[in-house]
Amino acid sequence: MNQLGKRFKCQACGTEVLCTKAGEGSAVCCNQEMELQQPRPLPSSD
């Protein structure tokens, strides 16, 4: 299941996508499932 706001990346071609609508299924590119990306760290505000 895809969750709203999650980012996915294709390991074959480097394409990145952002999920804008939650739903069943999975993100697929180059005939393989895309890998879920970890959240990017926010910059320090100090």
Protein backbone atom coordinates (compact mmCIF):
# COMPACT_ATOMS: atom_id res chain seq x y z
CA MET A 1 0.00 0.00 0.00
CA ASN A 2 1.27 3.47 -0.89
CA GLN A 3 1.01 6.13 1.79
CA LEU A 4 0.54 9.84 1.16
CA GLY A 5 3.83 11.80 1.22
CA LYS A 6 6.18 8.81 0.84
CA ARG A 7 9.01 9.00 -1.71
CA PHE A 8 10.10 6.11 -3.90
CA LYS A 9 13.22 5.69 -6.08
CA CYS A 10 13.94 3.33 -8.98
CA GLN A 11 17.27 1.57 -8.47
CA ALA A 12 17.65 0.93 -12.22
CA CYS A 13 17.18 4.42 -13.70
CA GLY A 14 17.15 6.76 -10.68
CA THR A 15 13.60 8.07 -11.17
CA GLU A 16 12.08 9.44 -7.95
CA VAL A 17 8.34 9.82 -7.27
CA LEU A 18 6.28 11.33 -4.48
CA CYS A 19 2.99 9.68 -3.52
CA THR A 20 0.24 12.32 -3.75
CA LYS A 21 -2.71 9.96 -3.22
CA ALA A 22 -2.78 6.95 -0.91
CA GLY A 23 -4.02 3.64 -2.27
CA GLU A 24 -3.52 -0.05 -2.85
CA GLY A 25 -0.66 -1.37 -4.97
CA SER A 26 2.97 -0.41 -5.28
CA ALA A 27 5.13 1.96 -7.31
CA VAL A 28 6.79 0.16 -10.24
CA CYS A 29 9.45 1.40 -12.70
CA CYS A 30 11.67 -0.55 -15.11
CA ASN A 31 9.62 -3.70 -14.36
CA GLN A 32 10.61 -3.74 -10.66
CA GLU A 33 9.17 -2.31 -7.44
CA MET A 34 10.56 1.07 -6.46
CA GLU A 35 12.45 1.38 -3.16
CA LEU A 36 10.97 3.43 -0.31
CA GLN A 37 13.26 6.37 0.52
CA GLN A 38 14.10 7.42 4.08
CA PRO A 39 13.03 10.91 5.19
CA ARG A 40 15.57 13.62 4.48
CA PRO A 41 17.00 15.28 7.61
CA LEU A 42 15.90 18.87 8.18
CA PRO A 43 18.64 21.52 8.33
CA SER A 44 19.55 22.88 11.73
CA SER A 45 17.95 26.21 12.59
CA ASP A 46 20.68 27.21 15.08
